[in-house]
Amino acid sequence: MAVRKLERAVQSTRILKRAVSFRRARPRNPAAHLVEELVTPHAENVCLLCAASSSLMFNLITRIESGNEIAVDRNTDQYKRQRVHRVSRGRRRS
């Protein structure tokens, strides 16, 4: 029983990662329906496996339930890298 739960949890984190990578690939696309479809059934299993994943999932689900578009997460490395590039380009011009 515990082994099955763990297997399901591992599978659900893969699905969660896929949903998050989709979100990062298209940050302006309100992909709430996709994320909800992929992530919501696996909430408990993800919580069993990893607290960080569960907090991420809690954020996603609350955004979906409140009906807001999923905004760009400003804490991601990808976003920070873009910001650094923009700043460095500006300095070169001036």
PDB file of N, CA and C in Angstrom:
ATOM      1  N   MET A   1       0.833  -1.207   0.000  1.00  0.00           N
ATOM      2  CA  MET A   1       0.000   0.000   0.000  1.00  0.00           C
ATOM      3  C   MET A   1       0.874   1.266   0.000  1.00  0.00           C
ATOM      4  N   ALA A   2       1.847   1.316   0.918  1.00  0.00           N
ATOM      5  CA  ALA A   2       2.733   2.481   1.006  1.00  0.00           C
ATOM      6  C   ALA A   2       3.586   2.625  -0.255  1.00  0.00           C
ATOM      7  N   VAL A   3       4.005   1.481  -0.793  1.00  0.00           N
ATOM      8  CA  VAL A   3       4.824   1.505  -2.016  1.00  0.00           C
ATOM      9  C   VAL A   3       4.016   2.077  -3.170  1.00  0.00           C
ATOM     10  N   ARG A   4       2.757   1.652  -3.274  1.00  0.00           N
ATOM     11  CA  ARG A   4       1.897   2.180  -4.345  1.00  0.00           C
ATOM     12  C   ARG A   4       1.698   3.681  -4.208  1.00  0.00           C
ATOM     13  N   LYS A   5       1.485   4.130  -2.969  1.00  0.00           N
ATOM     14  CA  LYS A   5       1.297   5.572  -2.740  1.00  0.00           C
ATOM     15  C   LYS A   5       2.542   6.343  -3.169  1.00  0.00           C
ATOM     16  N   LEU A   6       3.709   5.790  -2.823  1.00  0.00           N
ATOM     17  CA  LEU A   6       4.968   6.455  -3.177  1.00  0.00           C
ATOM     18  C   LEU A   6       5.147   6.489  -4.699  1.00  0.00           C
ATOM     19  N   GLU A   7       4.829   5.375  -5.353  1.00  0.00           N
ATOM     20  CA  GLU A   7       4.926   5.332  -6.823  1.00  0.00           C
ATOM     21  C   GLU A   7       4.016   6.384  -7.457  1.00  0.00           C
ATOM     22  N   ARG A   8       2.785   6.481  -6.935  1.00  0.00           N
ATOM     23  CA  ARG A   8       1.848   7.477  -7.459  1.00  0.00           C
ATOM     24  C   ARG A   8       2.362   8.895  -7.216  1.00  0.00           C
ATOM     25  N   ALA A   9       2.990   9.091  -6.055  1.00  0.00           N
ATOM     26  CA  ALA A   9       3.523  10.414  -5.725  1.00  0.00           C
ATOM     27  C   ALA A   9       4.651  10.803  -6.681  1.00  0.00           C
ATOM     28  N   VAL A  10       5.521   9.840  -6.988  1.00  0.00           N
ATOM     29  CA  VAL A  10       6.614  10.108  -7.924  1.00  0.00           C
ATOM     30  C   VAL A  10       6.048  10.461  -9.293  1.00  0.00           C
ATOM     31  N   GLN A  11       5.057   9.710  -9.725  1.00  0.00           N
ATOM     32  CA  GLN A  11       4.422   9.970 -11.018  1.00  0.00           C
ATOM     33  C   GLN A  11       3.773  11.357 -11.020  1.00  0.00           C
ATOM     34  N   SER A  12       3.123  11.716  -9.919  1.00  0.00           N
ATOM     35  CA  SER A  12       2.424  12.999  -9.870  1.00  0.00           C
ATOM     36  C   SER A  12       3.400  14.170  -9.895  1.00  0.00           C
ATOM     37  N   THR A  13       4.609  13.991  -9.299  1.00  0.00           N
ATOM     38  CA  THR A  13       5.582  15.087  -9.372  1.00  0.00           C
ATOM     39  C   THR A  13       6.078  15.260 -10.791  1.00  0.00           C
ATOM     40  N   ARG A  14       6.186  14.166 -11.542  1.00  0.00           N
ATOM     41  CA  ARG A  14       6.550  14.289 -12.962  1.00  0.00           C
ATOM     42  C   ARG A  14       5.503  15.099 -13.707  1.00  0.00           C
ATOM     43  N   ILE A  15       4.231  14.800 -13.424  1.00  0.00           N
ATOM     44  CA  ILE A  15       3.130  15.531 -14.067  1.00  0.00           C
ATOM     45  C   ILE A  15       3.175  16.998 -13.645  1.00  0.00           C
ATOM     46  N   LEU A  16       3.445  17.230 -12.369  1.00  0.00           N
ATOM     47  CA  LEU A  16       3.535  18.600 -11.857  1.00  0.00           C
ATOM     48  C   LEU A  16       4.652  19.359 -12.560  1.00  0.00           C
ATOM     49  N   LYS A  17       5.820  18.710 -12.700  1.00  0.00           N
ATOM     50  CA  LYS A  17       6.948  19.362 -13.374  1.00  0.00           C
ATOM     51  C   LYS A  17       6.596  19.693 -14.820  1.00  0.00           C
ATOM     52  N   ARG A  18       5.885  18.766 -15.479  1.00  0.00           N
ATOM     53  CA  ARG A  18       5.486  19.001 -16.865  1.00  0.00           C
ATOM     54  C   ARG A  18       4.564  20.216 -16.937  1.00  0.00           C
ATOM     55  N   ALA A  19       3.641  20.318 -15.996  1.00  0.00           N
ATOM     56  CA  ALA A  19       2.701  21.447 -15.971  1.00  0.00           C
ATOM     57  C   ALA A  19       3.454  22.752 -15.743  1.00  0.00           C
ATOM     58  N   VAL A  20       4.436  22.710 -14.839  1.00  0.00           N
ATOM     59  CA  VAL A  20       5.194  23.920 -14.519  1.00  0.00           C
ATOM     60  C   VAL A  20       6.068  24.321 -15.701  1.00  0.00           C
ATOM     61  N   SER A  21       6.679  23.332 -16.379  1.00  0.00           N
ATOM     62  CA  SER A  21       7.524  23.676 -17.528  1.00  0.00           C
ATOM     63  C   SER A  21       6.668  24.264 -18.645  1.00  0.00           C
ATOM     64  N   PHE A  22       5.453  23.769 -18.795  1.00  0.00           N
ATOM     65  CA  PHE A  22       4.528  24.342 -19.777  1.00  0.00           C
ATOM     66  C   PHE A  22       4.237  25.794 -19.414  1.00  0.00           C
ATOM     67  N   ARG A  23       4.040  26.041 -18.127  1.00  0.00           N
ATOM     68  CA  ARG A  23       3.727  27.386 -17.652  1.00  0.00           C
ATOM     69  C   ARG A  23       4.897  28.331 -17.919  1.00  0.00           C
ATOM     70  N   ARG A  24       6.130  27.843 -17.710  1.00  0.00           N
ATOM     71  CA  ARG A  24       7.295  28.696 -17.941  1.00  0.00           C
ATOM     72  C   ARG A  24       7.508  28.944 -19.430  1.00  0.00           C
ATOM     73  N   ALA A  25       7.194  27.934 -20.246  1.00  0.00           N
ATOM     74  CA  ALA A  25       7.397  28.078 -21.684  1.00  0.00           C
ATOM     75  C   ALA A  25       6.466  29.125 -22.278  1.00  0.00           C
ATOM     76  N   ARG A  26       5.253  29.238 -21.715  1.00  0.00           N
ATOM     77  CA  ARG A  26       4.271  30.210 -22.228  1.00  0.00           C
ATOM     78  C   ARG A  26       3.728  31.039 -21.064  1.00  0.00           C
ATOM     79  N   PRO A  27       4.524  31.959 -20.541  1.00  0.00           N
ATOM     80  CA  PRO A  27       4.108  32.653 -19.318  1.00  0.00           C
ATOM     81  C   PRO A  27       2.864  33.518 -19.476  1.00  0.00           C
ATOM     82  N   ARG A  28       2.579  34.003 -20.691  1.00  0.00           N
ATOM     83  CA  ARG A  28       1.427  34.885 -20.867  1.00  0.00           C
ATOM     84  C   ARG A  28       0.147  34.111 -21.183  1.00  0.00           C
ATOM     85  N   ASN A  29       0.266  32.830 -21.401  1.00  0.00           N
ATOM     86  CA  ASN A  29      -0.906  32.025 -21.746  1.00  0.00           C
ATOM     87  C   ASN A  29      -1.635  31.601 -20.471  1.00  0.00           C
ATOM     88  N   PRO A  30      -2.910  31.948 -20.307  1.00  0.00           N
ATOM     89  CA  PRO A  30      -3.615  31.510 -19.097  1.00  0.00           C
ATOM     90  C   PRO A  30      -3.933  30.010 -19.175  1.00  0.00           C
ATOM     91  N   ALA A  31      -2.985  29.195 -18.769  1.00  0.00           N
ATOM     92  CA  ALA A  31      -3.109  27.744 -18.938  1.00  0.00           C
ATOM     93  C   ALA A  31      -3.697  27.086 -17.698  1.00  0.00           C
ATOM     94  N   ALA A  32      -4.586  27.817 -17.005  1.00  0.00           N
ATOM     95  CA  ALA A  32      -5.140  27.312 -15.751  1.00  0.00           C
ATOM     96  C   ALA A  32      -5.851  25.982 -15.937  1.00  0.00           C
ATOM     97  N   HIS A  33      -6.611  25.852 -17.042  1.00  0.00           N
ATOM     98  CA  HIS A  33      -7.370  24.620 -17.235  1.00  0.00           C
ATOM     99  C   HIS A  33      -6.432  23.423 -17.381  1.00  0.00           C
ATOM    100  N   LEU A  34      -5.301  23.628 -18.071  1.00  0.00           N
ATOM    101  CA  LEU A  34      -4.336  22.537 -18.263  1.00  0.00           C
ATOM    102  C   LEU A  34      -3.711  22.139 -16.926  1.00  0.00           C
ATOM    103  N   VAL A  35      -3.280  23.154 -16.170  1.00  0.00           N
ATOM    104  CA  VAL A  35      -2.628  22.879 -14.887  1.00  0.00           C
ATOM    105  C   VAL A  35      -3.614  22.192 -13.943  1.00  0.00           C
ATOM    106  N   GLU A  36      -4.839  22.666 -13.942  1.00  0.00           N
ATOM    107  CA  GLU A  36      -5.859  22.079 -13.066  1.00  0.00           C
ATOM    108  C   GLU A  36      -6.077  20.612 -13.431  1.00  0.00           C
ATOM    109  N   GLU A  37      -6.167  20.343 -14.718  1.00  0.00           N
ATOM    110  CA  GLU A  37      -6.405  18.981 -15.196  1.00  0.00           C
ATOM    111  C   GLU A  37      -5.260  18.042 -14.803  1.00  0.00           C
ATOM    112  N   LEU A  38      -4.022  18.551 -14.889  1.00  0.00           N
ATOM    113  CA  LEU A  38      -2.858  17.707 -14.610  1.00  0.00           C
ATOM    114  C   LEU A  38      -2.577  17.556 -13.121  1.00  0.00           C
ATOM    115  N   VAL A  39      -2.709  18.659 -12.377  1.00  0.00           N
ATOM    116  CA  VAL A  39      -2.179  18.691 -11.016  1.00  0.00           C
ATOM    117  C   VAL A  39      -3.195  18.321  -9.941  1.00  0.00           C
ATOM    118  N   THR A  40      -4.420  18.810 -10.056  1.00  0.00           N
ATOM    119  CA  THR A  40      -5.376  18.700  -8.959  1.00  0.00           C
ATOM    120  C   THR A  40      -5.607  17.266  -8.456  1.00  0.00           C
ATOM    121  N   PRO A  41      -5.728  16.245  -9.337  1.00  0.00           N
ATOM    122  CA  PRO A  41      -5.979  14.898  -8.813  1.00  0.00           C
ATOM    123  C   PRO A  41      -4.820  14.340  -7.987  1.00  0.00           C
ATOM    124  N   HIS A  42      -3.639  14.962  -8.086  1.00  0.00           N
ATOM    125  CA  HIS A  42      -2.465  14.389  -7.437  1.00  0.00           C
ATOM    126  C   HIS A  42      -2.031  15.176  -6.202  1.00  0.00           C
ATOM    127  N   ALA A  43      -2.887  16.042  -5.709  1.00  0.00           N
ATOM    128  CA  ALA A  43      -2.497  16.943  -4.617  1.00  0.00           C
ATOM    129  C   ALA A  43      -1.977  16.193  -3.400  1.00  0.00           C
ATOM    130  N   GLU A  44      -2.717  15.192  -2.934  1.00  0.00           N
ATOM    131  CA  GLU A  44      -2.330  14.493  -1.713  1.00  0.00           C
ATOM    132  C   GLU A  44      -1.017  13.744  -1.890  1.00  0.00           C
ATOM    133  N   ASN A  45      -0.828  13.118  -3.057  1.00  0.00           N
ATOM    134  CA  ASN A  45       0.385  12.350  -3.299  1.00  0.00           C
ATOM    135  C   ASN A  45       1.617  13.241  -3.327  1.00  0.00           C
ATOM    136  N   VAL A  46       1.479  14.403  -3.923  1.00  0.00           N
ATOM    137  CA  VAL A  46       2.615  15.322  -3.965  1.00  0.00           C
ATOM    138  C   VAL A  46       2.952  15.782  -2.556  1.00  0.00           C
ATOM    139  N   CYS A  47       1.928  16.030  -1.746  1.00  0.00           N
ATOM    140  CA  CYS A  47       2.168  16.439  -0.361  1.00  0.00           C
ATOM    141  C   CYS A  47       2.919  15.351   0.400  1.00  0.00           C
ATOM    142  N   LEU A  48       2.604  14.087   0.108  1.00  0.00           N
ATOM    143  CA  LEU A  48       3.306  12.990   0.761  1.00  0.00           C
ATOM    144  C   LEU A  48       4.782  12.985   0.403  1.00  0.00           C
ATOM    145  N   LEU A  49       5.082  13.307  -0.848  1.00  0.00           N
ATOM    146  CA  LEU A  49       6.455  13.163  -1.329  1.00  0.00           C
ATOM    147  C   LEU A  49       7.342  14.337  -0.945  1.00  0.00           C
ATOM    148  N   CYS A  50       6.834  15.562  -1.119  1.00  0.00           N
ATOM    149  CA  CYS A  50       7.746  16.698  -0.984  1.00  0.00           C
ATOM    150  C   CYS A  50       6.996  17.969  -0.601  1.00  0.00           C
ATOM    151  N   ALA A  51       7.420  18.609   0.470  1.00  0.00           N
ATOM    152  CA  ALA A  51       6.730  19.806   0.950  1.00  0.00           C
ATOM    153  C   ALA A  51       6.852  20.959  -0.044  1.00  0.00           C
ATOM    154  N   ALA A  52       7.992  21.068  -0.707  1.00  0.00           N
ATOM    155  CA  ALA A  52       8.190  22.160  -1.670  1.00  0.00           C
ATOM    156  C   ALA A  52       7.211  22.031  -2.830  1.00  0.00           C
ATOM    157  N   SER A  53       7.064  20.801  -3.323  1.00  0.00           N
ATOM    158  CA  SER A  53       6.127  20.576  -4.427  1.00  0.00           C
ATOM    159  C   SER A  53       4.709  20.892  -3.982  1.00  0.00           C
ATOM    160  N   SER A  54       4.375  20.510  -2.746  1.00  0.00           N
ATOM    161  CA  SER A  54       3.002  20.724  -2.289  1.00  0.00           C
ATOM    162  C   SER A  54       2.713  22.212  -2.145  1.00  0.00           C
ATOM    163  N   SER A  55       3.708  22.993  -1.714  1.00  0.00           N
ATOM    164  CA  SER A  55       3.465  24.435  -1.585  1.00  0.00           C
ATOM    165  C   SER A  55       3.294  25.064  -2.963  1.00  0.00           C
ATOM    166  N   LEU A  56       4.095  24.601  -3.928  1.00  0.00           N
ATOM    167  CA  LEU A  56       3.946  25.085  -5.297  1.00  0.00           C
ATOM    168  C   LEU A  56       2.550  24.740  -5.814  1.00  0.00           C
ATOM    169  N   MET A  57       2.125  23.511  -5.529  1.00  0.00           N
ATOM    170  CA  MET A  57       0.835  23.077  -6.023  1.00  0.00           C
ATOM    171  C   MET A  57      -0.299  23.837  -5.343  1.00  0.00           C
ATOM    172  N   PHE A  58      -0.138  24.104  -4.052  1.00  0.00           N
ATOM    173  CA  PHE A  58      -1.147  24.883  -3.331  1.00  0.00           C
ATOM    174  C   PHE A  58      -1.306  26.255  -3.995  1.00  0.00           C
ATOM    175  N   ASN A  59      -0.177  26.885  -4.357  1.00  0.00           N
ATOM    176  CA  ASN A  59      -0.225  28.186  -5.034  1.00  0.00           C
ATOM    177  C   ASN A  59      -0.951  28.087  -6.367  1.00  0.00           C
ATOM    178  N   LEU A  60      -0.638  27.046  -7.132  1.00  0.00           N
ATOM    179  CA  LEU A  60      -1.282  26.872  -8.436  1.00  0.00           C
ATOM    180  C   LEU A  60      -2.789  26.695  -8.272  1.00  0.00           C
ATOM    181  N   ILE A  61      -3.183  25.842  -7.315  1.00  0.00           N
ATOM    182  CA  ILE A  61      -4.605  25.539  -7.140  1.00  0.00           C
ATOM    183  C   ILE A  61      -5.354  26.779  -6.645  1.00  0.00           C
ATOM    184  N   THR A  62      -4.747  27.532  -5.730  1.00  0.00           N
ATOM    185  CA  THR A  62      -5.447  28.727  -5.242  1.00  0.00           C
ATOM    186  C   THR A  62      -5.615  29.744  -6.361  1.00  0.00           C
ATOM    187  N   ARG A  63      -4.627  29.850  -7.243  1.00  0.00           N
ATOM    188  CA  ARG A  63      -4.771  30.770  -8.379  1.00  0.00           C
ATOM    189  C   ARG A  63      -5.872  30.298  -9.309  1.00  0.00           C
ATOM    190  N   ILE A  64      -5.946  28.991  -9.511  1.00  0.00           N
ATOM    191  CA  ILE A  64      -6.980  28.439 -10.389  1.00  0.00           C
ATOM    192  C   ILE A  64      -8.362  28.691  -9.780  1.00  0.00           C
ATOM    193  N   GLU A  65      -8.492  28.422  -8.483  1.00  0.00           N
ATOM    194  CA  GLU A  65      -9.795  28.572  -7.828  1.00  0.00           C
ATOM    195  C   GLU A  65     -10.236  30.032  -7.792  1.00  0.00           C
ATOM    196  N   SER A  66      -9.285  30.947  -7.645  1.00  0.00           N
ATOM    197  CA  SER A  66      -9.659  32.356  -7.593  1.00  0.00           C
ATOM    198  C   SER A  66      -9.977  32.903  -8.982  1.00  0.00           C
ATOM    199  N   GLY A  67      -9.680  32.112 -10.017  1.00  0.00           N
ATOM    200  CA  GLY A  67     -10.034  32.497 -11.380  1.00  0.00           C
ATOM    201  C   GLY A  67      -9.051  33.447 -12.032  1.00  0.00           C
ATOM    202  N   ASN A  68      -7.893  33.644 -11.391  1.00  0.00           N
ATOM    203  CA  ASN A  68      -6.886  34.540 -11.974  1.00  0.00           C
ATOM    204  C   ASN A  68      -6.049  33.778 -12.992  1.00  0.00           C
ATOM    205  N   GLU A  69      -5.488  34.510 -13.933  1.00  0.00           N
ATOM    206  CA  GLU A  69      -4.511  33.900 -14.831  1.00  0.00           C
ATOM    207  C   GLU A  69      -3.266  33.585 -14.016  1.00  0.00           C
ATOM    208  N   ILE A  70      -2.540  32.576 -14.475  1.00  0.00           N
ATOM    209  CA  ILE A  70      -1.295  32.237 -13.786  1.00  0.00           C
ATOM    210  C   ILE A  70      -0.240  33.240 -14.247  1.00  0.00           C
ATOM    211  N   ALA A  71       0.251  34.020 -13.308  1.00  0.00           N
ATOM    212  CA  ALA A  71       1.197  35.085 -13.645  1.00  0.00           C
ATOM    213  C   ALA A  71       2.611  34.520 -13.770  1.00  0.00           C
ATOM    214  N   VAL A  72       3.513  35.302 -14.317  1.00  0.00           N
ATOM    215  CA  VAL A  72       4.913  34.888 -14.413  1.00  0.00           C
ATOM    216  C   VAL A  72       5.479  34.869 -13.002  1.00  0.00           C
ATOM    217  N   ASP A  73       6.135  33.776 -12.640  1.00  0.00           N
ATOM    218  CA  ASP A  73       6.744  33.676 -11.319  1.00  0.00           C
ATOM    219  C   ASP A  73       8.083  34.392 -11.355  1.00  0.00           C
ATOM    220  N   ARG A  74       8.192  35.476 -10.620  1.00  0.00           N
ATOM    221  CA  ARG A  74       9.391  36.309 -10.684  1.00  0.00           C
ATOM    222  C   ARG A  74      10.579  35.712  -9.941  1.00  0.00           C
ATOM    223  N   ASN A  75      10.382  34.586  -9.266  1.00  0.00           N
ATOM    224  CA  ASN A  75      11.482  33.954  -8.545  1.00  0.00           C
ATOM    225  C   ASN A  75      12.198  32.888  -9.368  1.00  0.00           C
ATOM    226  N   THR A  76      11.723  32.610 -10.569  1.00  0.00           N
ATOM    227  CA  THR A  76      12.363  31.559 -11.360  1.00  0.00           C
ATOM    228  C   THR A  76      13.688  32.060 -11.925  1.00  0.00           C
ATOM    229  N   ASP A  77      14.612  31.118 -12.124  1.00  0.00           N
ATOM    230  CA  ASP A  77      15.925  31.460 -12.680  1.00  0.00           C
ATOM    231  C   ASP A  77      15.778  32.077 -14.063  1.00  0.00           C
ATOM    232  N   GLN A  78      14.851  31.542 -14.839  1.00  0.00           N
ATOM    233  CA  GLN A  78      14.657  32.011 -16.208  1.00  0.00           C
ATOM    234  C   GLN A  78      14.310  33.506 -16.209  1.00  0.00           C
ATOM    235  N   TYR A  79      13.400  33.891 -15.321  1.00  0.00           N
ATOM    236  CA  TYR A  79      12.982  35.298 -15.248  1.00  0.00           C
ATOM    237  C   TYR A  79      14.152  36.169 -14.819  1.00  0.00           C
ATOM    238  N   LYS A  80      14.903  35.704 -13.804  1.00  0.00           N
ATOM    239  CA  LYS A  80      16.035  36.489 -13.310  1.00  0.00           C
ATOM    240  C   LYS A  80      17.088  36.674 -14.395  1.00  0.00           C
ATOM    241  N   ARG A  81      17.332  35.606 -15.166  1.00  0.00           N
ATOM    242  CA  ARG A  81      18.320  35.705 -16.249  1.00  0.00           C
ATOM    243  C   ARG A  81      17.887  36.751 -17.273  1.00  0.00           C
ATOM    244  N   GLN A  82      16.606  36.756 -17.624  1.00  0.00           N
ATOM    245  CA  GLN A  82      16.102  37.754 -18.573  1.00  0.00           C
ATOM    246  C   GLN A  82      16.325  39.162 -18.039  1.00  0.00           C
ATOM    247  N   ARG A  83      16.051  39.346 -16.755  1.00  0.00           N
ATOM    248  CA  ARG A  83      16.210  40.673 -16.148  1.00  0.00           C
ATOM    249  C   ARG A  83      17.672  41.121 -16.226  1.00  0.00           C
ATOM    250  N   VAL A  84      18.593  40.208 -15.922  1.00  0.00           N
ATOM    251  CA  VAL A  84      20.020  40.540 -15.949  1.00  0.00           C
ATOM    252  C   VAL A  84      20.430  40.951 -17.354  1.00  0.00           C
ATOM    253  N   HIS A  85      19.967  40.195 -18.359  1.00  0.00           N
ATOM    254  CA  HIS A  85      20.317  40.518 -19.739  1.00  0.00           C
ATOM    255  C   HIS A  85      19.805  41.907 -20.119  1.00  0.00           C
ATOM    256  N   ARG A  86      18.575  42.211 -19.735  1.00  0.00           N
ATOM    257  CA  ARG A  86      17.995  43.516 -20.076  1.00  0.00           C
ATOM    258  C   ARG A  86      18.806  44.642 -19.457  1.00  0.00           C
ATOM    259  N   VAL A  87      19.196  44.468 -18.206  1.00  0.00           N
ATOM    260  CA  VAL A  87      19.956  45.512 -17.503  1.00  0.00           C
ATOM    261  C   VAL A  87      21.317  45.683 -18.164  1.00  0.00           C
ATOM    262  N   SER A  88      21.983  44.562 -18.484  1.00  0.00           N
ATOM    263  CA  SER A  88      23.320  44.662 -19.057  1.00  0.00           C
ATOM    264  C   SER A  88      23.276  45.328 -20.436  1.00  0.00           C
ATOM    265  N   ARG A  89      22.241  45.033 -21.216  1.00  0.00           N
ATOM    266  CA  ARG A  89      22.101  45.686 -22.529  1.00  0.00           C
ATOM    267  C   ARG A  89      21.966  47.199 -22.360  1.00  0.00           C
ATOM    268  N   GLY A  90      21.164  47.608 -21.384  1.00  0.00           N
ATOM    269  CA  GLY A  90      20.956  49.030 -21.138  1.00  0.00           C
ATOM    270  C   GLY A  90      22.248  49.741 -20.760  1.00  0.00           C
ATOM    271  N   ARG A  91      23.078  49.103 -19.965  1.00  0.00           N
ATOM    272  CA  ARG A  91      24.336  49.720 -19.546  1.00  0.00           C
ATOM    273  C   ARG A  91      25.283  49.889 -20.728  1.00  0.00           C
ATOM    274  N   ARG A  92      25.279  48.924 -21.627  1.00  0.00           N
ATOM    275  CA  ARG A  92      26.174  49.009 -22.788  1.00  0.00           C
ATOM    276  C   ARG A  92      25.821  50.212 -23.671  1.00  0.00           C
ATOM    277  N   ARG A  93      24.517  50.446 -23.819  1.00  0.00           N
ATOM    278  CA  ARG A  93      24.083  51.558 -24.672  1.00  0.00           C
ATOM    279  C   ARG A  93      24.523  52.909 -24.106  1.00  0.00           C
ATOM    280  N   SER A  94      24.405  53.037 -22.798  1.00  0.00           N
ATOM    281  CA  SER A  94      24.737  54.323 -22.171  1.00  0.00           C
ATOM    282  C   SER A  94      26.209  54.356 -21.802  1.00  0.00           C
TER     283      SER A  94
END
